[in-house]
PDB file of N, CA and C in Angstrom:
ATOM      1  N   MET A   1      27.104 -40.988  39.482  1.00  0.00           N
ATOM      2  CA  MET A   1      26.606 -42.344  39.566  1.00  0.00           C
ATOM      3  C   MET A   1      27.532 -43.412  39.836  1.00  0.00           C
ATOM      4  N   ILE A   2      28.617 -43.260  38.728  1.00  0.00           N
ATOM      5  CA  ILE A   2      29.767 -44.107  38.802  1.00  0.00           C
ATOM      6  C   ILE A   2      30.493 -44.176  40.010  1.00  0.00           C
ATOM      7  N   ILE A   3      30.412 -43.109  40.604  1.00  0.00           N
ATOM      8  CA  ILE A   3      31.486 -42.776  41.916  1.00  0.00           C
ATOM      9  C   ILE A   3      30.707 -43.575  43.008  1.00  0.00           C
ATOM     10  N   LYS A   4      29.387 -43.331  43.050  1.00  0.00           N
ATOM     11  CA  LYS A   4      28.591 -43.943  44.044  1.00  0.00           C
ATOM     12  C   LYS A   4      28.677 -45.357  44.009  1.00  0.00           C
ATOM     13  N   LYS A   5      28.477 -45.890  42.705  1.00  0.00           N
ATOM     14  CA  LYS A   5      28.554 -47.479  42.647  1.00  0.00           C
ATOM     15  C   LYS A   5      29.898 -48.096  43.091  1.00  0.00           C
ATOM     16  N   HIS A   6      31.049 -47.494  42.764  1.00  0.00           N
ATOM     17  CA  HIS A   6      32.175 -47.844  43.196  1.00  0.00           C
ATOM     18  C   HIS A   6      32.415 -47.868  44.584  1.00  0.00           C
ATOM     19  N   SER A   7      31.788 -46.745  45.238  1.00  0.00           N
ATOM     20  CA  SER A   7      32.050 -46.380  46.603  1.00  0.00           C
ATOM     21  C   SER A   7      31.208 -47.638  47.458  1.00  0.00           C
ATOM     22  N   LYS A   8      30.032 -48.057  47.069  1.00  0.00           N
ATOM     23  CA  LYS A   8      29.320 -48.902  47.515  1.00  0.00           C
ATOM     24  C   LYS A   8      29.855 -50.289  47.360  1.00  0.00           C
ATOM     25  N   GLU A   9      30.509 -50.742  46.169  1.00  0.00           N
ATOM     26  CA  GLU A   9      31.199 -51.885  46.111  1.00  0.00           C
ATOM     27  C   GLU A   9      32.371 -52.089  46.976  1.00  0.00           C
ATOM     28  N   LYS A  10      33.171 -51.076  47.283  1.00  0.00           N
ATOM     29  CA  LYS A  10      34.201 -51.006  48.355  1.00  0.00           C
ATOM     30  C   LYS A  10      33.813 -50.957  49.672  1.00  0.00           C
ATOM     31  N   ASN A  11      32.511 -50.537  49.927  1.00  0.00           N
ATOM     32  CA  ASN A  11      32.218 -50.726  51.290  1.00  0.00           C
ATOM     33  C   ASN A  11      31.650 -52.012  51.521  1.00  0.00           C
ATOM     34  N   ASN A  12      30.965 -52.672  50.597  1.00  0.00           N
ATOM     35  CA  ASN A  12      30.646 -54.145  50.707  1.00  0.00           C
ATOM     36  C   ASN A  12      31.777 -55.140  50.822  1.00  0.00           C
ATOM     37  N   PHE A  13      32.873 -54.534  50.053  1.00  0.00           N
ATOM     38  CA  PHE A  13      34.062 -55.568  50.240  1.00  0.00           C
ATOM     39  C   PHE A  13      34.819 -55.398  51.462  1.00  0.00           C
ATOM     40  N   ILE A  14      34.652 -54.042  51.968  1.00  0.00           N
ATOM     41  CA  ILE A  14      35.427 -53.878  53.506  1.00  0.00           C
ATOM     42  C   ILE A  14      34.566 -54.742  54.408  1.00  0.00           C
ATOM     43  N   LYS A  15      33.237 -54.655  54.360  1.00  0.00           N
ATOM     44  CA  LYS A  15      32.083 -55.236  55.460  1.00  0.00           C
ATOM     45  C   LYS A  15      32.698 -56.880  55.408  1.00  0.00           C
ATOM     46  N   SER A  16      32.484 -57.290  54.069  1.00  0.00           N
ATOM     47  CA  SER A  16      32.664 -58.839  53.912  1.00  0.00           C
ATOM     48  C   SER A  16      34.014 -59.093  54.310  1.00  0.00           C
ATOM     49  N   ASN A  17      34.954 -58.557  54.237  1.00  0.00           N
ATOM     50  CA  ASN A  17      36.272 -58.636  54.839  1.00  0.00           C
ATOM     51  C   ASN A  17      36.513 -58.737  56.343  1.00  0.00           C
ATOM     52  N   ILE A  18      35.808 -57.810  56.981  1.00  0.00           N
ATOM     53  CA  ILE A  18      35.732 -57.596  58.493  1.00  0.00           C
ATOM     54  C   ILE A  18      34.967 -58.808  58.873  1.00  0.00           C
ATOM     55  N   TYR A  19      33.816 -59.237  58.312  1.00  0.00           N
ATOM     56  CA  TYR A  19      33.043 -60.165  58.888  1.00  0.00           C
ATOM     57  C   TYR A  19      33.859 -61.590  58.694  1.00  0.00           C
ATOM     58  N   SER A  20      34.526 -61.662  57.721  1.00  0.00           N
ATOM     59  CA  SER A  20      35.512 -62.988  57.549  1.00  0.00           C
ATOM     60  C   SER A  20      36.491 -62.996  58.353  1.00  0.00           C
ATOM     61  N   TYR A  21      37.023 -61.820  58.901  1.00  0.00           N
ATOM     62  CA  TYR A  21      38.192 -61.787  59.897  1.00  0.00           C
ATOM     63  C   TYR A  21      37.579 -62.044  61.135  1.00  0.00           C
ATOM     64  N   PHE A  22      36.263 -61.401  61.287  1.00  0.00           N
ATOM     65  CA  PHE A  22      35.735 -61.580  62.700  1.00  0.00           C
ATOM     66  C   PHE A  22      35.190 -63.168  63.023  1.00  0.00           C
ATOM     67  N   PHE A  23      34.670 -63.790  61.867  1.00  0.00           N
ATOM     68  CA  PHE A  23      34.527 -65.095  61.991  1.00  0.00           C
ATOM     69  C   PHE A  23      35.660 -65.861  62.200  1.00  0.00           C
ATOM     70  N   GLY A  24      36.808 -65.676  61.510  1.00  0.00           N
ATOM     71  CA  GLY A  24      37.706 -66.683  61.624  1.00  0.00           C
ATOM     72  C   GLY A  24      38.316 -66.267  63.092  1.00  0.00           C
ATOM     73  N   PHE A  25      38.503 -65.025  63.619  1.00  0.00           N
ATOM     74  CA  PHE A  25      38.897 -64.939  64.818  1.00  0.00           C
ATOM     75  C   PHE A  25      38.217 -65.639  65.988  1.00  0.00           C
ATOM     76  N   ILE A  26      36.825 -65.694  65.750  1.00  0.00           N
ATOM     77  CA  ILE A  26      36.246 -66.221  66.937  1.00  0.00           C
ATOM     78  C   ILE A  26      36.327 -67.759  66.781  1.00  0.00           C
ATOM     79  N   PHE A  27      36.345 -68.607  65.775  1.00  0.00           N
ATOM     80  CA  PHE A  27      36.612 -69.923  65.620  1.00  0.00           C
ATOM     81  C   PHE A  27      37.935 -70.007  66.159  1.00  0.00           C
ATOM     82  N   SER A  28      38.877 -69.230  65.772  1.00  0.00           N
ATOM     83  CA  SER A  28      40.137 -69.638  66.257  1.00  0.00           C
ATOM     84  C   SER A  28      40.232 -69.447  67.834  1.00  0.00           C
ATOM     85  N   VAL A  29      39.573 -68.505  68.365  1.00  0.00           N
ATOM     86  CA  VAL A  29      39.390 -68.584  69.831  1.00  0.00           C
ATOM     87  C   VAL A  29      38.891 -69.688  70.414  1.00  0.00           C
ATOM     88  N   CYS A  30      37.710 -70.144  69.783  1.00  0.00           N
ATOM     89  CA  CYS A  30      36.943 -71.325  70.205  1.00  0.00           C
ATOM     90  C   CYS A  30      37.771 -72.678  70.166  1.00  0.00           C
ATOM     91  N   LEU A  31      38.503 -72.716  68.959  1.00  0.00           N
ATOM     92  CA  LEU A  31      39.438 -73.828  68.738  1.00  0.00           C
ATOM     93  C   LEU A  31      40.708 -73.849  69.352  1.00  0.00           C
ATOM     94  N   SER A  32      40.988 -72.862  70.230  1.00  0.00           N
ATOM     95  CA  SER A  32      42.138 -72.731  71.077  1.00  0.00           C
ATOM     96  C   SER A  32      41.798 -73.136  72.538  1.00  0.00           C
ATOM     97  N   PHE A  33      40.643 -72.472  72.826  1.00  0.00           N
ATOM     98  CA  PHE A  33      39.953 -72.616  74.140  1.00  0.00           C
ATOM     99  C   PHE A  33      39.626 -74.112  74.315  1.00  0.00           C
ATOM    100  N   ILE A  34      39.303 -74.842  73.556  1.00  0.00           N
ATOM    101  CA  ILE A  34      38.908 -76.415  73.816  1.00  0.00           C
ATOM    102  C   ILE A  34      39.966 -77.176  74.365  1.00  0.00           C
ATOM    103  N   PRO A  35      41.095 -77.295  73.580  1.00  0.00           N
ATOM    104  CA  PRO A  35      42.022 -78.111  74.160  1.00  0.00           C
ATOM    105  C   PRO A  35      42.680 -77.446  75.454  1.00  0.00           C
ATOM    106  N   PHE A  36      42.851 -76.112  75.465  1.00  0.00           N
ATOM    107  CA  PHE A  36      43.198 -75.608  76.701  1.00  0.00           C
ATOM    108  C   PHE A  36      42.301 -75.868  77.886  1.00  0.00           C
ATOM    109  N   PHE A  37      41.062 -75.859  77.634  1.00  0.00           N
ATOM    110  CA  PHE A  37      40.105 -76.349  78.815  1.00  0.00           C
ATOM    111  C   PHE A  37      40.159 -78.019  79.191  1.00  0.00           C
ATOM    112  N   LEU A  38      40.419 -78.920  78.038  1.00  0.00           N
ATOM    113  CA  LEU A  38      40.632 -80.224  78.249  1.00  0.00           C
ATOM    114  C   LEU A  38      41.863 -80.480  79.053  1.00  0.00           C
ATOM    115  N   ILE A  39      42.780 -79.759  78.819  1.00  0.00           N
ATOM    116  CA  ILE A  39      44.030 -79.996  79.697  1.00  0.00           C
ATOM    117  C   ILE A  39      44.248 -79.519  80.965  1.00  0.00           C
ATOM    118  N   GLU A  40      43.462 -78.145  80.953  1.00  0.00           N
ATOM    119  CA  GLU A  40      43.416 -77.426  82.320  1.00  0.00           C
ATOM    120  C   GLU A  40      42.668 -78.182  83.398  1.00  0.00           C
ATOM    121  N   LYS A  41      41.522 -78.661  83.012  1.00  0.00           N
ATOM    122  CA  LYS A  41      40.736 -79.407  83.927  1.00  0.00           C
ATOM    123  C   LYS A  41      41.018 -80.930  84.016  1.00  0.00           C
ATOM    124  N   LYS A  42      41.976 -81.451  83.293  1.00  0.00           N
ATOM    125  CA  LYS A  42      42.235 -82.814  83.164  1.00  0.00           C
ATOM    126  C   LYS A  42      41.212 -83.649  82.803  1.00  0.00           C
ATOM    127  N   ILE A  43      40.451 -83.425  81.850  1.00  0.00           N
ATOM    128  CA  ILE A  43      39.425 -84.079  81.376  1.00  0.00           C
ATOM    129  C   ILE A  43      39.745 -85.159  80.373  1.00  0.00           C
ATOM    130  N   ASN A  44      39.245 -86.212  80.512  1.00  0.00           N
ATOM    131  CA  ASN A  44      39.517 -87.535  79.772  1.00  0.00           C
ATOM    132  C   ASN A  44      38.235 -87.803  79.002  1.00  0.00           C
ATOM    133  N   VAL A  45      38.231 -87.586  77.673  1.00  0.00           N
ATOM    134  CA  VAL A  45      37.054 -87.814  76.881  1.00  0.00           C
ATOM    135  C   VAL A  45      36.779 -89.374  76.848  1.00  0.00           C
ATOM    136  N   LEU A  46      35.436 -89.881  77.320  1.00  0.00           N
ATOM    137  CA  LEU A  46      35.283 -91.191  77.280  1.00  0.00           C
ATOM    138  C   LEU A  46      36.238 -91.965  78.292  1.00  0.00           C
ATOM    139  N   ASN A  47      36.837 -91.492  79.315  1.00  0.00           N
ATOM    140  CA  ASN A  47      37.785 -91.870  79.904  1.00  0.00           C
ATOM    141  C   ASN A  47      38.885 -92.494  79.428  1.00  0.00           C
ATOM    142  N   SER A  48      39.394 -91.914  78.348  1.00  0.00           N
ATOM    143  CA  SER A  48      40.561 -92.264  77.524  1.00  0.00           C
ATOM    144  C   SER A  48      41.435 -91.087  77.165  1.00  0.00           C
ATOM    145  N   LYS A  49      42.794 -91.416  77.395  1.00  0.00           N
ATOM    146  CA  LYS A  49      43.501 -90.106  76.927  1.00  0.00           C
ATOM    147  C   LYS A  49      44.030 -90.173  75.472  1.00  0.00           C
ATOM    148  N   ILE A  50      43.653 -91.224  74.666  1.00  0.00           N
ATOM    149  CA  ILE A  50      43.529 -91.330  73.166  1.00  0.00           C
ATOM    150  C   ILE A  50      42.502 -90.373  72.555  1.00  0.00           C
ATOM    151  N   TYR A  51      41.239 -90.585  73.064  1.00  0.00           N
ATOM    152  CA  TYR A  51      40.247 -89.550  72.565  1.00  0.00           C
ATOM    153  C   TYR A  51      40.466 -88.114  72.868  1.00  0.00           C
ATOM    154  N   THR A  52      41.148 -88.124  74.068  1.00  0.00           N
ATOM    155  CA  THR A  52      41.353 -86.385  74.304  1.00  0.00           C
ATOM    156  C   THR A  52      42.532 -85.970  73.330  1.00  0.00           C
ATOM    157  N   ASN A  53      43.381 -86.752  73.208  1.00  0.00           N
ATOM    158  CA  ASN A  53      44.589 -86.368  72.118  1.00  0.00           C
ATOM    159  C   ASN A  53      43.872 -86.063  70.762  1.00  0.00           C
ATOM    160  N   LEU A  54      43.014 -87.140  70.362  1.00  0.00           N
ATOM    161  CA  LEU A  54      42.344 -86.920  69.050  1.00  0.00           C
ATOM    162  C   LEU A  54      41.608 -85.814  68.816  1.00  0.00           C
ATOM    163  N   ILE A  55      41.096 -85.379  70.127  1.00  0.00           N
ATOM    164  CA  ILE A  55      40.167 -84.269  70.028  1.00  0.00           C
ATOM    165  C   ILE A  55      40.991 -82.850  69.995  1.00  0.00           C
ATOM    166  N   ILE A  56      42.137 -82.937  70.506  1.00  0.00           N
ATOM    167  CA  ILE A  56      43.077 -81.869  70.527  1.00  0.00           C
ATOM    168  C   ILE A  56      43.711 -81.857  69.149  1.00  0.00           C
ATOM    169  N   LEU A  57      44.163 -83.048  68.393  1.00  0.00           N
ATOM    170  CA  LEU A  57      44.628 -82.814  67.353  1.00  0.00           C
ATOM    171  C   LEU A  57      43.757 -82.403  66.193  1.00  0.00           C
ATOM    172  N   LEU A  58      42.483 -82.844  66.364  1.00  0.00           N
ATOM    173  CA  LEU A  58      41.314 -82.400  65.487  1.00  0.00           C
ATOM    174  C   LEU A  58      41.407 -80.835  65.537  1.00  0.00           C
ATOM    175  N   CYS A  59      41.008 -80.241  66.769  1.00  0.00           N
ATOM    176  CA  CYS A  59      41.369 -79.004  66.843  1.00  0.00           C
ATOM    177  C   CYS A  59      42.273 -78.116  66.463  1.00  0.00           C
ATOM    178  N   CYS A  60      43.607 -78.774  66.312  1.00  0.00           N
ATOM    179  CA  CYS A  60      44.641 -78.143  65.740  1.00  0.00           C
ATOM    180  C   CYS A  60      44.550 -78.161  64.251  1.00  0.00           C
ATOM    181  N   CYS A  61      44.210 -79.272  63.468  1.00  0.00           N
ATOM    182  CA  CYS A  61      43.914 -79.179  62.031  1.00  0.00           C
ATOM    183  C   CYS A  61      42.796 -78.148  61.718  1.00  0.00           C
ATOM    184  N   LEU A  62      41.612 -78.412  62.449  1.00  0.00           N
ATOM    185  CA  LEU A  62      40.629 -77.301  61.920  1.00  0.00           C
ATOM    186  C   LEU A  62      41.170 -75.644  62.196  1.00  0.00           C
ATOM    187  N   GLN A  63      42.103 -75.572  63.312  1.00  0.00           N
ATOM    188  CA  GLN A  63      42.656 -74.169  63.475  1.00  0.00           C
ATOM    189  C   GLN A  63      43.342 -73.924  62.213  1.00  0.00           C
ATOM    190  N   ILE A  64      44.227 -75.041  61.840  1.00  0.00           N
ATOM    191  CA  ILE A  64      45.118 -74.429  60.619  1.00  0.00           C
ATOM    192  C   ILE A  64      44.374 -74.205  59.395  1.00  0.00           C
ATOM    193  N   PHE A  65      43.224 -75.033  59.293  1.00  0.00           N
ATOM    194  CA  PHE A  65      42.267 -74.701  58.168  1.00  0.00           C
ATOM    195  C   PHE A  65      41.857 -73.235  58.044  1.00  0.00           C
ATOM    196  N   PHE A  66      41.269 -72.891  59.245  1.00  0.00           N
ATOM    197  CA  PHE A  66      40.668 -71.780  59.445  1.00  0.00           C
ATOM    198  C   PHE A  66      41.455 -70.519  59.162  1.00  0.00           C
ATOM    199  N   GLN A  67      42.737 -70.622  59.612  1.00  0.00           N
ATOM    200  CA  GLN A  67      43.780 -69.732  59.573  1.00  0.00           C
ATOM    201  C   GLN A  67      44.047 -69.430  58.054  1.00  0.00           C
ATOM    202  N   ILE A  68      44.276 -70.451  57.476  1.00  0.00           N
ATOM    203  CA  ILE A  68      44.721 -70.371  55.981  1.00  0.00           C
ATOM    204  C   ILE A  68      43.273 -69.806  55.193  1.00  0.00           C
ATOM    205  N   TYR A  69      42.332 -70.111  55.356  1.00  0.00           N
ATOM    206  CA  TYR A  69      40.999 -69.921  54.683  1.00  0.00           C
ATOM    207  C   TYR A  69      40.624 -68.490  55.114  1.00  0.00           C
ATOM    208  N   TYR A  70      40.500 -68.019  56.286  1.00  0.00           N
ATOM    209  CA  TYR A  70      40.070 -66.804  56.742  1.00  0.00           C
ATOM    210  C   TYR A  70      40.972 -65.726  56.695  1.00  0.00           C
ATOM    211  N   PHE A  71      42.263 -65.932  57.206  1.00  0.00           N
ATOM    212  CA  PHE A  71      43.271 -64.852  57.296  1.00  0.00           C
ATOM    213  C   PHE A  71      44.413 -65.002  56.269  1.00  0.00           C
ATOM    214  N   LEU A  72      44.704 -66.107  55.459  1.00  0.00           N
ATOM    215  CA  LEU A  72      45.635 -65.802  54.352  1.00  0.00           C
ATOM    216  C   LEU A  72      44.909 -65.975  53.180  1.00  0.00           C
ATOM    217  N   HIS A  73      43.393 -66.205  53.132  1.00  0.00           N
ATOM    218  CA  HIS A  73      42.613 -65.928  51.964  1.00  0.00           C
ATOM    219  C   HIS A  73      43.081 -67.010  50.818  1.00  0.00           C
ATOM    220  N   LEU A  74      43.512 -68.120  51.191  1.00  0.00           N
ATOM    221  CA  LEU A  74      43.771 -69.120  50.213  1.00  0.00           C
ATOM    222  C   LEU A  74      42.543 -69.990  49.800  1.00  0.00           C
ATOM    223  N   LYS A  75      41.776 -69.544  48.884  1.00  0.00           N
ATOM    224  CA  LYS A  75      40.545 -70.229  48.603  1.00  0.00           C
ATOM    225  C   LYS A  75      40.668 -71.126  47.176  1.00  0.00           C
ATOM    226  N   ASP A  76      39.747 -71.735  46.866  1.00  0.00           N
ATOM    227  CA  ASP A  76      39.712 -72.627  45.793  1.00  0.00           C
ATOM    228  C   ASP A  76      39.690 -71.698  44.504  1.00  0.00           C
ATOM    229  N   SER A  77      40.672 -71.259  44.010  1.00  0.00           N
ATOM    230  CA  SER A  77      40.834 -70.415  42.820  1.00  0.00           C
ATOM    231  C   SER A  77      42.170 -70.630  42.090  1.00  0.00           C
ATOM    232  N   MET A  78      41.927 -70.248  40.722  1.00  0.00           N
ATOM    233  CA  MET A  78      43.275 -70.782  40.172  1.00  0.00           C
ATOM    234  C   MET A  78      44.357 -69.460  40.331  1.00  0.00           C
ATOM    235  N   GLY A  79      44.020 -68.355  40.664  1.00  0.00           N
ATOM    236  CA  GLY A  79      44.966 -67.463  41.156  1.00  0.00           C
ATOM    237  C   GLY A  79      45.829 -67.949  42.183  1.00  0.00           C
ATOM    238  N   ASN A  80      45.306 -68.655  43.062  1.00  0.00           N
ATOM    239  CA  ASN A  80      46.025 -69.107  44.463  1.00  0.00           C
ATOM    240  C   ASN A  80      46.656 -70.478  44.080  1.00  0.00           C
ATOM    241  N   PHE A  81      46.711 -71.105  43.074  1.00  0.00           N
ATOM    242  CA  PHE A  81      47.064 -72.387  42.757  1.00  0.00           C
ATOM    243  C   PHE A  81      48.596 -72.528  43.301  1.00  0.00           C
ATOM    244  N   TRP A  82      49.324 -71.708  42.766  1.00  0.00           N
ATOM    245  CA  TRP A  82      50.940 -71.795  43.198  1.00  0.00           C
ATOM    246  C   TRP A  82      51.174 -71.722  44.739  1.00  0.00           C
ATOM    247  N   ASN A  83      50.352 -70.587  45.267  1.00  0.00           N
ATOM    248  CA  ASN A  83      50.296 -70.562  46.741  1.00  0.00           C
ATOM    249  C   ASN A  83      49.920 -71.821  47.487  1.00  0.00           C
ATOM    250  N   ILE A  84      48.882 -72.483  47.094  1.00  0.00           N
ATOM    251  CA  ILE A  84      48.543 -73.690  47.760  1.00  0.00           C
ATOM    252  C   ILE A  84      49.396 -74.859  47.345  1.00  0.00           C
ATOM    253  N   VAL A  85      50.132 -74.858  46.247  1.00  0.00           N
ATOM    254  CA  VAL A  85      51.307 -75.846  45.952  1.00  0.00           C
ATOM    255  C   VAL A  85      52.469 -75.652  46.843  1.00  0.00           C
ATOM    256  N   PHE A  86      52.719 -74.267  47.071  1.00  0.00           N
ATOM    257  CA  PHE A  86      53.983 -74.045  47.965  1.00  0.00           C
ATOM    258  C   PHE A  86      53.541 -74.259  49.557  1.00  0.00           C
ATOM    259  N   LEU A  87      52.423 -74.075  49.737  1.00  0.00           N
ATOM    260  CA  LEU A  87      52.000 -74.187  51.223  1.00  0.00           C
ATOM    261  C   LEU A  87      51.993 -75.841  51.438  1.00  0.00           C
ATOM    262  N   LEU A  88      51.549 -76.749  50.490  1.00  0.00           N
ATOM    263  CA  LEU A  88      51.610 -78.196  50.627  1.00  0.00           C
ATOM    264  C   LEU A  88      52.894 -78.573  50.693  1.00  0.00           C
ATOM    265  N   PHE A  89      53.837 -78.017  49.884  1.00  0.00           N
ATOM    266  CA  PHE A  89      55.287 -78.464  49.801  1.00  0.00           C
ATOM    267  C   PHE A  89      55.846 -78.018  51.041  1.00  0.00           C
ATOM    268  N   THR A  90      55.448 -76.997  51.679  1.00  0.00           N
ATOM    269  CA  THR A  90      56.083 -76.648  53.191  1.00  0.00           C
ATOM    270  C   THR A  90      55.651 -77.822  54.173  1.00  0.00           C
ATOM    271  N   PHE A  91      54.298 -77.959  54.132  1.00  0.00           N
ATOM    272  CA  PHE A  91      53.860 -79.066  55.038  1.00  0.00           C
ATOM    273  C   PHE A  91      54.501 -80.310  55.011  1.00  0.00           C
ATOM    274  N   ILE A  92      54.879 -80.785  53.633  1.00  0.00           N
ATOM    275  CA  ILE A  92      55.562 -82.072  53.503  1.00  0.00           C
ATOM    276  C   ILE A  92      56.790 -81.971  54.000  1.00  0.00           C
ATOM    277  N   ILE A  93      57.732 -80.975  53.662  1.00  0.00           N
ATOM    278  CA  ILE A  93      59.017 -80.542  54.220  1.00  0.00           C
ATOM    279  C   ILE A  93      58.919 -80.582  55.854  1.00  0.00           C
ATOM    280  N   MET A  94      57.886 -80.138  56.549  1.00  0.00           N
ATOM    281  CA  MET A  94      57.820 -80.069  57.796  1.00  0.00           C
ATOM    282  C   MET A  94      57.461 -81.523  58.397  1.00  0.00           C
ATOM    283  N   LEU A  95      56.666 -82.159  57.779  1.00  0.00           N
ATOM    284  CA  LEU A  95      56.330 -83.522  58.307  1.00  0.00           C
ATOM    285  C   LEU A  95      57.521 -84.559  58.166  1.00  0.00           C
ATOM    286  N   ILE A  96      58.422 -84.274  57.178  1.00  0.00           N
ATOM    287  CA  ILE A  96      59.637 -85.023  57.049  1.00  0.00           C
ATOM    288  C   ILE A  96      60.595 -84.753  58.096  1.00  0.00           C
ATOM    289  N   ILE A  97      60.693 -83.443  58.466  1.00  0.00           N
ATOM    290  CA  ILE A  97      61.536 -83.043  59.512  1.00  0.00           C
ATOM    291  C   ILE A  97      61.033 -83.450  60.857  1.00  0.00           C
ATOM    292  N   ILE A  98      59.794 -83.359  61.016  1.00  0.00           N
ATOM    293  CA  ILE A  98      59.217 -83.706  62.417  1.00  0.00           C
ATOM    294  C   ILE A  98      59.262 -85.463  62.633  1.00  0.00           C
ATOM    295  N   ILE A  99      58.815 -86.067  61.722  1.00  0.00           N
ATOM    296  CA  ILE A  99      58.894 -87.668  61.701  1.00  0.00           C
ATOM    297  C   ILE A  99      60.259 -88.020  61.786  1.00  0.00           C
ATOM    298  N   GLY A 100      61.180 -87.300  61.053  1.00  0.00           N
ATOM    299  CA  GLY A 100      62.559 -87.926  60.929  1.00  0.00           C
ATOM    300  C   GLY A 100      63.294 -87.586  62.309  1.00  0.00           C
ATOM    301  N   SER A 101      62.982 -86.368  62.630  1.00  0.00           N
ATOM    302  CA  SER A 101      63.496 -86.069  64.112  1.00  0.00           C
ATOM    303  C   SER A 101      63.044 -86.834  65.306  1.00  0.00           C
ATOM    304  N   THR A 102      61.637 -87.205  65.211  1.00  0.00           N
ATOM    305  CA  THR A 102      61.026 -88.138  66.363  1.00  0.00           C
ATOM    306  C   THR A 102      61.674 -89.561  66.175  1.00  0.00           C
ATOM    307  N   TRP A 103      61.784 -90.059  65.034  1.00  0.00           N
ATOM    308  CA  TRP A 103      62.545 -91.468  64.584  1.00  0.00           C
ATOM    309  C   TRP A 103      63.998 -91.415  65.019  1.00  0.00           C
ATOM    310  N   ILE A 104      64.749 -90.426  64.707  1.00  0.00           N
ATOM    311  CA  ILE A 104      66.252 -90.375  65.338  1.00  0.00           C
ATOM    312  C   ILE A 104      66.179 -90.289  66.922  1.00  0.00           C
ATOM    313  N   MET A 105      65.522 -89.527  67.292  1.00  0.00           N
ATOM    314  CA  MET A 105      65.391 -89.415  68.939  1.00  0.00           C
ATOM    315  C   MET A 105      65.044 -90.725  69.630  1.00  0.00           C
ATOM    316  N   TYR A 106      63.848 -91.425  68.859  1.00  0.00           N
ATOM    317  CA  TYR A 106      63.353 -92.694  69.683  1.00  0.00           C
ATOM    318  C   TYR A 106      64.558 -93.847  69.443  1.00  0.00           C
ATOM    319  N   ASN A 107      65.174 -93.797  68.344  1.00  0.00           N
ATOM    320  CA  ASN A 107      66.297 -94.728  68.108  1.00  0.00           C
ATOM    321  C   ASN A 107      67.446 -94.487  69.010  1.00  0.00           C
ATOM    322  N   LEU A 108      67.897 -93.069  69.045  1.00  0.00           N
ATOM    323  CA  LEU A 108      69.103 -92.862  69.840  1.00  0.00           C
ATOM    324  C   LEU A 108      68.595 -93.271  71.428  1.00  0.00           C
ATOM    325  N   HIS A 109      67.565 -92.908  71.801  1.00  0.00           N
ATOM    326  CA  HIS A 109      66.969 -93.233  73.243  1.00  0.00           C
ATOM    327  C   HIS A 109      67.256 -94.887  73.457  1.00  0.00           C
ATOM    328  N   TYR A 110      66.668 -95.441  72.475  1.00  0.00           N
ATOM    329  CA  TYR A 110      66.620 -96.848  72.510  1.00  0.00           C
ATOM    330  C   TYR A 110      68.119 -97.499  72.695  1.00  0.00           C
ATOM    331  N   ASN A 111      68.738 -97.069  71.671  1.00  0.00           N
ATOM    332  CA  ASN A 111      70.131 -97.535  71.542  1.00  0.00           C
ATOM    333  C   ASN A 111      71.211 -97.240  72.746  1.00  0.00           C
ATOM    334  N   VAL A 112      70.892 -95.854  73.304  1.00  0.00           N
ATOM    335  CA  VAL A 112      71.963 -95.464  74.365  1.00  0.00           C
ATOM    336  C   VAL A 112      71.220 -95.954  75.694  1.00  0.00           C
ATOM    337  N   MET A 113      70.194 -96.088  76.019  1.00  0.00           N
ATOM    338  CA  MET A 113      69.538 -96.491  77.370  1.00  0.00           C
ATOM    339  C   MET A 113      69.428 -98.020  77.422  1.00  0.00           C
ATOM    340  N   ILE A 114      70.032 -98.891  76.538  1.00  0.00           N
ATOM    341  CA  ILE A 114      69.681-100.214  76.551  1.00  0.00           C
ATOM    342  C   ILE A 114      70.347-100.721  77.729  1.00  0.00           C
ATOM    343  N   HIS A 115      71.376-100.210  78.161  1.00  0.00           N
ATOM    344  CA  HIS A 115      72.087-100.786  79.420  1.00  0.00           C
ATOM    345  C   HIS A 115      71.129-100.577  80.651  1.00  0.00           C
ATOM    346  N   GLN A 116      70.113 -99.768  80.697  1.00  0.00           N
ATOM    347  CA  GLN A 116      69.445 -99.671  82.029  1.00  0.00           C
ATOM    348  C   GLN A 116      68.141-100.604  82.122  1.00  0.00           C
ATOM    349  N   TYR A 117      67.855-101.212  80.951  1.00  0.00           N
ATOM    350  CA  TYR A 117      66.780-102.147  80.850  1.00  0.00           C
ATOM    351  C   TYR A 117      67.161-103.750  81.239  1.00  0.00           C
TER     352      TYR A 117
END
């Protein structure tokens, strides 16, 4: 009886993981296809590139969320607290590097190319 109960719980756990992976995979494919389709067909949402870029950025952020939630299994639990803290720290460092690099390249371009204007 105990063996059957343990086996049943294990099967339910495996099924729930398979459904979780499948659901995450389908959403990831859809969220990858939407920006690809917008760029490939040169579609401007509401005749504006800004809205198109915002939709692409939204798909990117949702993609990150789905990857973290369904594939890395970082859910709201105290057991994952430090993993989430390290993940947020990594995002902050990445933002500092990206924004700093963009700022440096913009200023370098502005100061070097001033003679051509």
